[in-house]
Amino acid sequence: MEKYDLLPKQLLHEGTCTDYNFFEPKPVNKLNVLRVHAESYVNNLINLNLPKSEVRAIGFPLSRELVEREFIITQGTIDATNFALQNGIAMNIAGGTHHAFSNRGEAFCLLNDQAVAAAYLLHHKLAKKILIVDLDVHQGNGTAEIFKDKPNVFTFSMHGEKNYPFRKETSDLDIALPNETDDQSFLNILKETLPNIYDSVQPDFVFYLCGVDILASDKLGKLSCTLEGCKERDRFVLHFFKEKGIPVTCSMGGGYSPDIKIIIEAHANTFRIANDLLNCVN
């Protein structure tokens, strides 16, 4: 998508980031992927041998370039976790592929980047209890399936009730919002819920999926949040975990407003808030 090229350019142009802040990951090691994805599915991806029905569910024509891109995005989230452990916050300018299940892809998602990175942290004993905060307008159905009955990862998805996927999975906590939910309602629910989750789960690492498809302008979403409301959402989440001393890795997730400038501004706000926190500016 165009936003993946334009967003870093905007961040560099305005001075939020410098070239030093960016990294280019290599493709993820297959062993890391296999901690959450079935070997038969991964092999079929690599060999471009998925059944036609599964390719249709993904929504993209299957190609070597597409698979390599997904492996690179996934390693980007792993690399970001290591940066977050050292610095508190890190961002994957792509990622948020939360519709990828353990044994299949769906809705433009082939590998579940945050799930793979969470399993990486647990395997290497870099975290004991992980919280995934998914505030994209679409439920994180693949993430919910992957971590079902796995007590060391708590999945929280707050999404549009009438949005895709129409058959939801069961996260550890799902909050389905009615159509036209506005800033005040969205933020009130989030600000009431997240502290309770933290107190109950006591995570030592957080993945945040900060999709901007909650905007009223989004052509695939059914909520009615504004740019300022979306920004306040990110400010609250990132400040909350900063104050708790919990490292956070963000993946950008969805954003489908017809005006690309709105998408870039909404995603750039997330980086601006993170940059302020890294520089201890409140």
C-alpha atoms as a PDB file:
ATOM      1  CA  MET A   1       0.000   0.000   0.000  1.00  0.00           C
ATOM      2  CA  GLU A   2       1.031   3.560  -0.661  1.00  0.00           C
ATOM      3  CA  LYS A   3       1.071   4.479   3.022  1.00  0.00           C
ATOM      4  CA  TYR A   4       4.073   2.258   3.739  1.00  0.00           C
ATOM      5  CA  ASP A   5       6.180   4.408   1.415  1.00  0.00           C
ATOM      6  CA  LEU A   6       4.698   7.788   2.368  1.00  0.00           C
ATOM      7  CA  LEU A   7       4.678   7.432   6.164  1.00  0.00           C
ATOM      8  CA  PRO A   8       8.462   7.257   6.684  1.00  0.00           C
ATOM      9  CA  LYS A   9       8.916  10.103   4.221  1.00  0.00           C
ATOM     10  CA  GLN A  10       6.507  12.257   6.243  1.00  0.00           C
ATOM     11  CA  LEU A  11       8.206  11.388   9.534  1.00  0.00           C
ATOM     12  CA  LEU A  12      11.607  12.273   8.094  1.00  0.00           C
ATOM     13  CA  HIS A  13      10.321  15.470   6.458  1.00  0.00           C
ATOM     14  CA  GLU A  14       8.820  16.842   9.668  1.00  0.00           C
ATOM     15  CA  GLY A  15      11.760  15.789  11.832  1.00  0.00           C
ATOM     16  CA  THR A  16       9.909  13.309  14.018  1.00  0.00           C
ATOM     17  CA  CYS A  17      12.410  10.673  12.898  1.00  0.00           C
ATOM     18  CA  THR A  18      15.876  10.623  11.360  1.00  0.00           C
ATOM     19  CA  ASP A  19      17.461   7.947   9.206  1.00  0.00           C
ATOM     20  CA  TYR A  20      19.016   6.596  12.410  1.00  0.00           C
ATOM     21  CA  ASN A  21      15.549   5.697  13.741  1.00  0.00           C
ATOM     22  CA  PHE A  22      14.765   3.285  10.901  1.00  0.00           C
ATOM     23  CA  PHE A  23      15.954  -0.273  10.385  1.00  0.00           C
ATOM     24  CA  GLU A  24      15.474  -2.728   7.532  1.00  0.00           C
ATOM     25  CA  PRO A  25      14.845  -6.290   8.719  1.00  0.00           C
ATOM     26  CA  LYS A  26      15.861  -9.473   6.961  1.00  0.00           C
ATOM     27  CA  PRO A  27      13.292 -12.243   6.367  1.00  0.00           C
ATOM     28  CA  VAL A  28      12.292 -14.074   9.540  1.00  0.00           C
ATOM     29  CA  ASN A  29      13.850 -17.438  10.313  1.00  0.00           C
ATOM     30  CA  LYS A  30      11.407 -20.235   9.563  1.00  0.00           C
ATOM     31  CA  LEU A  31      11.914 -21.739  13.037  1.00  0.00           C
ATOM     32  CA  ASN A  32      10.487 -18.599  14.614  1.00  0.00           C
ATOM     33  CA  VAL A  33       7.434 -18.803  12.371  1.00  0.00           C
ATOM     34  CA  LEU A  34       6.824 -22.456  13.209  1.00  0.00           C
ATOM     35  CA  ARG A  35       6.301 -21.638  16.878  1.00  0.00           C
ATOM     36  CA  VAL A  36       2.832 -20.348  15.976  1.00  0.00           C
ATOM     37  CA  HIS A  37       2.112 -21.491  12.407  1.00  0.00           C
ATOM     38  CA  ALA A  38       1.592 -25.055  11.162  1.00  0.00           C
ATOM     39  CA  GLU A  39       4.561 -26.426   9.214  1.00  0.00           C
ATOM     40  CA  SER A  40       2.370 -27.645   6.352  1.00  0.00           C
ATOM     41  CA  TYR A  41       0.919 -24.148   5.906  1.00  0.00           C
ATOM     42  CA  VAL A  42       4.322 -22.457   6.051  1.00  0.00           C
ATOM     43  CA  ASN A  43       5.805 -24.898   3.547  1.00  0.00           C
ATOM     44  CA  ASN A  44       2.898 -24.328   1.175  1.00  0.00           C
ATOM     45  CA  LEU A  45       3.437 -20.582   1.476  1.00  0.00           C
ATOM     46  CA  ILE A  46       7.145 -20.848   0.741  1.00  0.00           C
ATOM     47  CA  ASN A  47       6.546 -23.192  -2.191  1.00  0.00           C
ATOM     48  CA  LEU A  48       3.612 -21.111  -3.503  1.00  0.00           C
ATOM     49  CA  ASN A  49       1.472 -24.208  -3.214  1.00  0.00           C
ATOM     50  CA  LEU A  50      -1.588 -23.059  -1.288  1.00  0.00           C
ATOM     51  CA  PRO A  51      -4.984 -24.372  -2.405  1.00  0.00           C
ATOM     52  CA  LYS A  52      -6.890 -21.872  -4.533  1.00  0.00           C
ATOM     53  CA  SER A  53      -9.558 -21.513  -1.864  1.00  0.00           C
ATOM     54  CA  GLU A  54      -6.927 -20.398   0.663  1.00  0.00           C
ATOM     55  CA  VAL A  55      -5.414 -17.932  -1.807  1.00  0.00           C
ATOM     56  CA  ARG A  56      -8.870 -16.422  -2.335  1.00  0.00           C
ATOM     57  CA  ALA A  57      -9.288 -16.043   1.427  1.00  0.00           C
ATOM     58  CA  ILE A  58      -5.998 -14.141   1.598  1.00  0.00           C
ATOM     59  CA  GLY A  59      -7.185 -11.731  -1.073  1.00  0.00           C
ATOM     60  CA  PHE A  60      -3.852 -11.265  -2.859  1.00  0.00           C
ATOM     61  CA  PRO A  61      -2.467 -13.295  -5.767  1.00  0.00           C
ATOM     62  CA  LEU A  62       0.179 -15.530  -4.236  1.00  0.00           C
ATOM     63  CA  SER A  63       3.695 -14.620  -5.343  1.00  0.00           C
ATOM     64  CA  ARG A  64       7.257 -15.056  -4.144  1.00  0.00           C
ATOM     65  CA  GLU A  65       7.513 -11.299  -3.576  1.00  0.00           C
ATOM     66  CA  LEU A  66       4.386 -11.308  -1.402  1.00  0.00           C
ATOM     67  CA  VAL A  67       5.643 -14.172   0.759  1.00  0.00           C
ATOM     68  CA  GLU A  68       9.077 -12.575   1.155  1.00  0.00           C
ATOM     69  CA  ARG A  69       7.441  -9.279   2.131  1.00  0.00           C
ATOM     70  CA  GLU A  70       5.450 -11.040   4.839  1.00  0.00           C
ATOM     71  CA  PHE A  71       8.561 -12.762   6.189  1.00  0.00           C
ATOM     72  CA  ILE A  72      10.340  -9.387   6.316  1.00  0.00           C
ATOM     73  CA  ILE A  73       7.410  -7.685   8.088  1.00  0.00           C
ATOM     74  CA  THR A  74       7.367 -10.464  10.683  1.00  0.00           C
ATOM     75  CA  GLN A  75      11.075 -10.121  11.405  1.00  0.00           C
ATOM     76  CA  GLY A  76      10.514  -6.382  11.680  1.00  0.00           C
ATOM     77  CA  THR A  77       8.212  -6.972  14.636  1.00  0.00           C
ATOM     78  CA  ILE A  78      10.725  -9.333  16.259  1.00  0.00           C
ATOM     79  CA  ASP A  79      13.480  -6.743  15.816  1.00  0.00           C
ATOM     80  CA  ALA A  80      11.191  -4.096  17.263  1.00  0.00           C
ATOM     81  CA  THR A  81      10.631  -6.177  20.407  1.00  0.00           C
ATOM     82  CA  ASN A  82      14.364  -6.210  21.087  1.00  0.00           C
ATOM     83  CA  PHE A  83      14.492  -2.429  20.646  1.00  0.00           C
ATOM     84  CA  ALA A  84      11.484  -2.005  22.946  1.00  0.00           C
ATOM     85  CA  LEU A  85      13.129  -4.105  25.651  1.00  0.00           C
ATOM     86  CA  GLN A  86      16.041  -1.658  25.635  1.00  0.00           C
ATOM     87  CA  ASN A  87      14.194   1.617  25.023  1.00  0.00           C
ATOM     88  CA  GLY A  88      10.571   1.166  26.073  1.00  0.00           C
ATOM     89  CA  ILE A  89       8.768   1.650  22.747  1.00  0.00           C
ATOM     90  CA  ALA A  90       9.364   0.430  19.186  1.00  0.00           C
ATOM     91  CA  MET A  91       7.319   0.546  16.009  1.00  0.00           C
ATOM     92  CA  ASN A  92       6.848  -1.624  12.947  1.00  0.00           C
ATOM     93  CA  ILE A  93       5.735   0.722  10.194  1.00  0.00           C
ATOM     94  CA  ALA A  94       3.849  -2.251   8.717  1.00  0.00           C
ATOM     95  CA  GLY A  95       2.579  -5.372  10.505  1.00  0.00           C
ATOM     96  CA  GLY A  96      -0.607  -5.917  12.419  1.00  0.00           C
ATOM     97  CA  THR A  97      -1.416  -9.026  10.373  1.00  0.00           C
ATOM     98  CA  HIS A  98      -3.902 -10.255  12.963  1.00  0.00           C
ATOM     99  CA  HIS A  99      -6.134 -12.222  10.563  1.00  0.00           C
ATOM    100  CA  ALA A 100      -3.467 -14.878   9.995  1.00  0.00           C
ATOM    101  CA  PHE A 101      -4.430 -18.090  11.805  1.00  0.00           C
ATOM    102  CA  SER A 102      -2.093 -20.852  12.890  1.00  0.00           C
ATOM    103  CA  ASN A 103      -2.876 -22.879   9.755  1.00  0.00           C
ATOM    104  CA  ARG A 104      -4.109 -20.392   7.165  1.00  0.00           C
ATOM    105  CA  GLY A 105      -4.037 -16.810   5.963  1.00  0.00           C
ATOM    106  CA  GLU A 106      -6.975 -14.479   5.639  1.00  0.00           C
ATOM    107  CA  ALA A 107      -7.839 -10.884   4.675  1.00  0.00           C
ATOM    108  CA  PHE A 108      -4.412  -9.817   3.344  1.00  0.00           C
ATOM    109  CA  CYS A 109      -2.583 -11.506   6.254  1.00  0.00           C
ATOM    110  CA  LEU A 110      -0.232 -14.444   5.680  1.00  0.00           C
ATOM    111  CA  LEU A 111       1.816 -14.601   8.889  1.00  0.00           C
ATOM    112  CA  ASN A 112       0.742 -13.191  12.244  1.00  0.00           C
ATOM    113  CA  ASP A 113       3.658 -10.867  13.031  1.00  0.00           C
ATOM    114  CA  GLN A 114       2.722 -10.060  16.623  1.00  0.00           C
ATOM    115  CA  ALA A 115       1.996 -13.697  17.437  1.00  0.00           C
ATOM    116  CA  VAL A 116       5.356 -14.805  16.034  1.00  0.00           C
ATOM    117  CA  ALA A 117       7.144 -12.074  17.981  1.00  0.00           C
ATOM    118  CA  ALA A 118       5.283 -12.946  21.192  1.00  0.00           C
ATOM    119  CA  ALA A 119       6.315 -16.598  20.833  1.00  0.00           C
ATOM    120  CA  TYR A 120       9.898 -15.443  20.183  1.00  0.00           C
ATOM    121  CA  LEU A 121       9.954 -13.495  23.453  1.00  0.00           C
ATOM    122  CA  LEU A 122       8.532 -16.390  25.434  1.00  0.00           C
ATOM    123  CA  HIS A 123      10.852 -18.953  23.851  1.00  0.00           C
ATOM    124  CA  HIS A 124      13.928 -16.887  24.673  1.00  0.00           C
ATOM    125  CA  LYS A 125      12.615 -16.107  28.173  1.00  0.00           C
ATOM    126  CA  LEU A 126      12.585 -12.385  27.435  1.00  0.00           C
ATOM    127  CA  ALA A 127       9.019 -12.120  28.750  1.00  0.00           C
ATOM    128  CA  LYS A 128       6.811 -14.215  30.997  1.00  0.00           C
ATOM    129  CA  LYS A 129       3.349 -12.743  30.432  1.00  0.00           C
ATOM    130  CA  ILE A 130       2.374 -10.896  27.265  1.00  0.00           C
ATOM    131  CA  LEU A 131      -0.626  -8.683  26.604  1.00  0.00           C
ATOM    132  CA  ILE A 132      -1.800  -8.024  23.045  1.00  0.00           C
ATOM    133  CA  VAL A 133      -3.895  -4.861  22.803  1.00  0.00           C
ATOM    134  CA  ASP A 134      -5.685  -4.852  19.443  1.00  0.00           C
ATOM    135  CA  LEU A 135      -7.591  -1.616  18.759  1.00  0.00           C
ATOM    136  CA  ASP A 136      -7.968  -2.052  15.009  1.00  0.00           C
ATOM    137  CA  VAL A 137     -11.591  -1.787  13.829  1.00  0.00           C
ATOM    138  CA  HIS A 138     -11.461  -5.486  12.887  1.00  0.00           C
ATOM    139  CA  GLN A 139     -11.285  -8.234  15.484  1.00  0.00           C
ATOM    140  CA  GLY A 140      -7.928  -9.976  15.808  1.00  0.00           C
ATOM    141  CA  ASN A 141      -9.439 -13.335  14.970  1.00  0.00           C
ATOM    142  CA  GLY A 142      -6.208 -15.064  13.950  1.00  0.00           C
ATOM    143  CA  THR A 143      -4.439 -13.875  17.093  1.00  0.00           C
ATOM    144  CA  ALA A 144      -7.317 -15.125  19.241  1.00  0.00           C
ATOM    145  CA  GLU A 145      -7.157 -18.560  17.613  1.00  0.00           C
ATOM    146  CA  ILE A 146      -3.383 -18.866  17.930  1.00  0.00           C
ATOM    147  CA  PHE A 147      -3.336 -18.062  21.648  1.00  0.00           C
ATOM    148  CA  LYS A 148      -6.543 -19.788  22.676  1.00  0.00           C
ATOM    149  CA  ASP A 149      -5.910 -21.677  25.931  1.00  0.00           C
ATOM    150  CA  LYS A 150      -2.366 -20.269  26.210  1.00  0.00           C
ATOM    151  CA  PRO A 151      -2.282 -18.533  29.593  1.00  0.00           C
ATOM    152  CA  ASN A 152       1.007 -16.690  29.049  1.00  0.00           C
ATOM    153  CA  VAL A 153      -0.522 -14.505  26.299  1.00  0.00           C
ATOM    154  CA  PHE A 154      -3.658 -12.446  26.979  1.00  0.00           C
ATOM    155  CA  THR A 155      -5.505 -11.230  23.882  1.00  0.00           C
ATOM    156  CA  PHE A 156      -7.683  -8.110  24.073  1.00  0.00           C
ATOM    157  CA  SER A 157      -9.575  -6.945  20.990  1.00  0.00           C
ATOM    158  CA  MET A 158     -11.822  -3.865  20.907  1.00  0.00           C
ATOM    159  CA  HIS A 159     -13.432  -3.657  17.490  1.00  0.00           C
ATOM    160  CA  GLY A 160     -16.508  -2.863  15.442  1.00  0.00           C
ATOM    161  CA  GLU A 161     -19.281  -5.329  16.162  1.00  0.00           C
ATOM    162  CA  LYS A 162     -20.541  -5.276  12.562  1.00  0.00           C
ATOM    163  CA  ASN A 163     -17.115  -5.192  10.927  1.00  0.00           C
ATOM    164  CA  TYR A 164     -15.190  -8.046   9.354  1.00  0.00           C
ATOM    165  CA  PRO A 165     -14.700 -10.789  10.386  1.00  0.00           C
ATOM    166  CA  PHE A 166     -18.381 -11.570  10.523  1.00  0.00           C
ATOM    167  CA  ARG A 167     -17.668 -14.816  12.339  1.00  0.00           C
ATOM    168  CA  LYS A 168     -15.583 -13.750  15.309  1.00  0.00           C
ATOM    169  CA  GLU A 169     -13.168 -15.909  17.273  1.00  0.00           C
ATOM    170  CA  THR A 170     -12.984 -15.660  21.068  1.00  0.00           C
ATOM    171  CA  SER A 171     -10.212 -13.510  22.494  1.00  0.00           C
ATOM    172  CA  ASP A 172      -9.468 -13.496  26.217  1.00  0.00           C
ATOM    173  CA  LEU A 173     -11.434 -10.248  26.198  1.00  0.00           C
ATOM    174  CA  ASP A 174     -13.528  -8.940  23.308  1.00  0.00           C
ATOM    175  CA  ILE A 175     -15.366  -5.632  23.311  1.00  0.00           C
ATOM    176  CA  ALA A 176     -17.600  -5.254  20.264  1.00  0.00           C
ATOM    177  CA  LEU A 177     -18.560  -1.640  19.578  1.00  0.00           C
ATOM    178  CA  PRO A 178     -21.785  -0.635  17.814  1.00  0.00           C
ATOM    179  CA  ASN A 179     -21.740   1.230  14.523  1.00  0.00           C
ATOM    180  CA  GLU A 180     -21.045   4.964  14.763  1.00  0.00           C
ATOM    181  CA  THR A 181     -19.206   4.726  18.101  1.00  0.00           C
ATOM    182  CA  ASP A 182     -17.636   8.157  18.589  1.00  0.00           C
ATOM    183  CA  ASP A 183     -14.502   9.444  20.315  1.00  0.00           C
ATOM    184  CA  GLN A 184     -16.013   9.910  23.753  1.00  0.00           C
ATOM    185  CA  SER A 185     -17.649   6.490  23.887  1.00  0.00           C
ATOM    186  CA  PHE A 186     -14.574   4.735  22.484  1.00  0.00           C
ATOM    187  CA  LEU A 187     -12.176   6.450  24.876  1.00  0.00           C
ATOM    188  CA  ASN A 188     -14.412   6.033  27.912  1.00  0.00           C
ATOM    189  CA  ILE A 189     -14.602   2.283  27.368  1.00  0.00           C
ATOM    190  CA  LEU A 190     -10.870   1.986  26.705  1.00  0.00           C
ATOM    191  CA  LYS A 191      -9.865   4.074  29.722  1.00  0.00           C
ATOM    192  CA  GLU A 192     -12.118   2.017  31.971  1.00  0.00           C
ATOM    193  CA  THR A 193     -11.042  -1.341  30.582  1.00  0.00           C
ATOM    194  CA  LEU A 194      -7.280  -1.193  30.073  1.00  0.00           C
ATOM    195  CA  PRO A 195      -6.308  -0.512  33.716  1.00  0.00           C
ATOM    196  CA  ASN A 196      -8.461  -3.442  34.816  1.00  0.00           C
ATOM    197  CA  ILE A 197      -6.773  -5.726  32.282  1.00  0.00           C
ATOM    198  CA  TYR A 198      -3.365  -4.589  33.483  1.00  0.00           C
ATOM    199  CA  ASP A 199      -4.229  -5.222  37.130  1.00  0.00           C
ATOM    200  CA  SER A 200      -5.517  -8.701  36.302  1.00  0.00           C
ATOM    201  CA  VAL A 201      -2.884  -9.814  33.780  1.00  0.00           C
ATOM    202  CA  GLN A 202       0.254  -8.056  35.090  1.00  0.00           C
ATOM    203  CA  PRO A 203       2.056  -8.293  31.730  1.00  0.00           C
ATOM    204  CA  ASP A 204       5.761  -7.676  31.338  1.00  0.00           C
ATOM    205  CA  PHE A 205       5.505  -6.965  27.593  1.00  0.00           C
ATOM    206  CA  VAL A 206       2.769  -5.447  25.418  1.00  0.00           C
ATOM    207  CA  PHE A 207       2.037  -5.626  21.703  1.00  0.00           C
ATOM    208  CA  TYR A 208      -0.178  -2.791  20.506  1.00  0.00           C
ATOM    209  CA  LEU A 209      -2.028  -3.024  17.194  1.00  0.00           C
ATOM    210  CA  CYS A 210      -2.918   0.610  16.496  1.00  0.00           C
ATOM    211  CA  GLY A 211      -4.974   0.489  13.297  1.00  0.00           C
ATOM    212  CA  VAL A 212      -6.425   3.829  12.205  1.00  0.00           C
ATOM    213  CA  ASP A 213      -9.477   2.273  10.561  1.00  0.00           C
ATOM    214  CA  ILE A 214     -11.546   3.405  13.553  1.00  0.00           C
ATOM    215  CA  LEU A 215     -11.844   6.789  11.786  1.00  0.00           C
ATOM    216  CA  ALA A 216     -15.256   7.892  10.546  1.00  0.00           C
ATOM    217  CA  SER A 217     -13.677   8.436   7.119  1.00  0.00           C
ATOM    218  CA  ASP A 218     -12.501   4.839   6.798  1.00  0.00           C
ATOM    219  CA  LYS A 219     -14.166   3.058   3.880  1.00  0.00           C
ATOM    220  CA  LEU A 220     -13.953  -0.367   5.552  1.00  0.00           C
ATOM    221  CA  GLY A 221     -14.773   0.664   9.128  1.00  0.00           C
ATOM    222  CA  LYS A 222     -18.110   1.416  10.757  1.00  0.00           C
ATOM    223  CA  LEU A 223     -16.972   3.534  13.725  1.00  0.00           C
ATOM    224  CA  SER A 224     -17.000   7.327  13.905  1.00  0.00           C
ATOM    225  CA  CYS A 225     -13.792   8.426  15.582  1.00  0.00           C
ATOM    226  CA  THR A 226     -11.922  11.594  14.606  1.00  0.00           C
ATOM    227  CA  LEU A 227      -8.222  12.147  14.037  1.00  0.00           C
ATOM    228  CA  GLU A 228      -7.971  13.737  17.476  1.00  0.00           C
ATOM    229  CA  GLY A 229      -9.833  10.830  19.062  1.00  0.00           C
ATOM    230  CA  CYS A 230      -7.526   8.321  17.400  1.00  0.00           C
ATOM    231  CA  LYS A 231      -4.531  10.334  18.605  1.00  0.00           C
ATOM    232  CA  GLU A 232      -5.883  10.402  22.168  1.00  0.00           C
ATOM    233  CA  ARG A 233      -6.348   6.618  21.998  1.00  0.00           C
ATOM    234  CA  ASP A 234      -2.656   6.180  21.180  1.00  0.00           C
ATOM    235  CA  ARG A 235      -1.594   8.752  23.747  1.00  0.00           C
ATOM    236  CA  PHE A 236      -3.523   6.977  26.486  1.00  0.00           C
ATOM    237  CA  VAL A 237      -2.238   3.487  25.638  1.00  0.00           C
ATOM    238  CA  LEU A 238       1.405   4.475  25.225  1.00  0.00           C
ATOM    239  CA  HIS A 239       1.471   6.767  28.271  1.00  0.00           C
ATOM    240  CA  PHE A 240      -0.261   4.137  30.397  1.00  0.00           C
ATOM    241  CA  PHE A 241       2.371   1.488  29.755  1.00  0.00           C
ATOM    242  CA  LYS A 242       5.224   4.000  29.872  1.00  0.00           C
ATOM    243  CA  GLU A 243       4.147   4.916  33.406  1.00  0.00           C
ATOM    244  CA  LYS A 244       4.005   1.226  34.320  1.00  0.00           C
ATOM    245  CA  GLY A 245       7.486   0.622  32.901  1.00  0.00           C
ATOM    246  CA  ILE A 246       6.199  -2.007  30.433  1.00  0.00           C
ATOM    247  CA  PRO A 247       7.857  -2.161  26.980  1.00  0.00           C
ATOM    248  CA  VAL A 248       5.525  -1.839  23.987  1.00  0.00           C
ATOM    249  CA  THR A 249       5.927  -2.810  20.349  1.00  0.00           C
ATOM    250  CA  CYS A 250       3.422  -1.271  17.924  1.00  0.00           C
ATOM    251  CA  SER A 251       2.294  -2.595  14.566  1.00  0.00           C
ATOM    252  CA  MET A 252       0.388  -0.141  12.380  1.00  0.00           C
ATOM    253  CA  GLY A 253      -2.523  -2.306  11.255  1.00  0.00           C
ATOM    254  CA  GLY A 254      -5.322  -1.028   9.033  1.00  0.00           C
ATOM    255  CA  GLY A 255      -6.223   2.363   7.615  1.00  0.00           C
ATOM    256  CA  TYR A 256      -8.395   2.747   4.524  1.00  0.00           C
ATOM    257  CA  SER A 257      -9.666   6.317   4.360  1.00  0.00           C
ATOM    258  CA  PRO A 258     -10.076   7.483   0.735  1.00  0.00           C
ATOM    259  CA  ASP A 259      -7.812  10.488   1.400  1.00  0.00           C
ATOM    260  CA  ILE A 260      -4.271   9.154   1.862  1.00  0.00           C
ATOM    261  CA  LYS A 261      -3.332  12.326   3.761  1.00  0.00           C
ATOM    262  CA  ILE A 262      -5.725  11.370   6.560  1.00  0.00           C
ATOM    263  CA  ILE A 263      -4.203   7.887   6.823  1.00  0.00           C
ATOM    264  CA  ILE A 264      -0.666   9.283   6.980  1.00  0.00           C
ATOM    265  CA  GLU A 265      -1.605  11.922   9.567  1.00  0.00           C
ATOM    266  CA  ALA A 266      -3.312   9.348  11.789  1.00  0.00           C
ATOM    267  CA  HIS A 267      -0.378   6.910  11.662  1.00  0.00           C
ATOM    268  CA  ALA A 268       2.156   9.726  12.043  1.00  0.00           C
ATOM    269  CA  ASN A 269       0.434  10.784  15.257  1.00  0.00           C
ATOM    270  CA  THR A 270       1.294   7.405  16.776  1.00  0.00           C
ATOM    271  CA  PHE A 271       4.964   7.932  15.971  1.00  0.00           C
ATOM    272  CA  ARG A 272       4.901  11.513  17.266  1.00  0.00           C
ATOM    273  CA  ILE A 273       3.520  10.370  20.615  1.00  0.00           C
ATOM    274  CA  ALA A 274       6.059   7.539  20.841  1.00  0.00           C
ATOM    275  CA  ASN A 275       8.873   9.920  19.952  1.00  0.00           C
ATOM    276  CA  ASP A 276       7.788  12.324  22.694  1.00  0.00           C
ATOM    277  CA  LEU A 277       7.800   9.498  25.229  1.00  0.00           C
ATOM    278  CA  LEU A 278      11.235   8.278  24.144  1.00  0.00           C
ATOM    279  CA  ASN A 279      12.512  11.814  24.630  1.00  0.00           C
ATOM    280  CA  CYS A 280      10.640  12.176  27.943  1.00  0.00           C
ATOM    281  CA  VAL A 281       8.476  15.005  26.650  1.00  0.00           C
ATOM    282  CA  ASN A 282       4.979  15.000  28.197  1.00  0.00           C
END
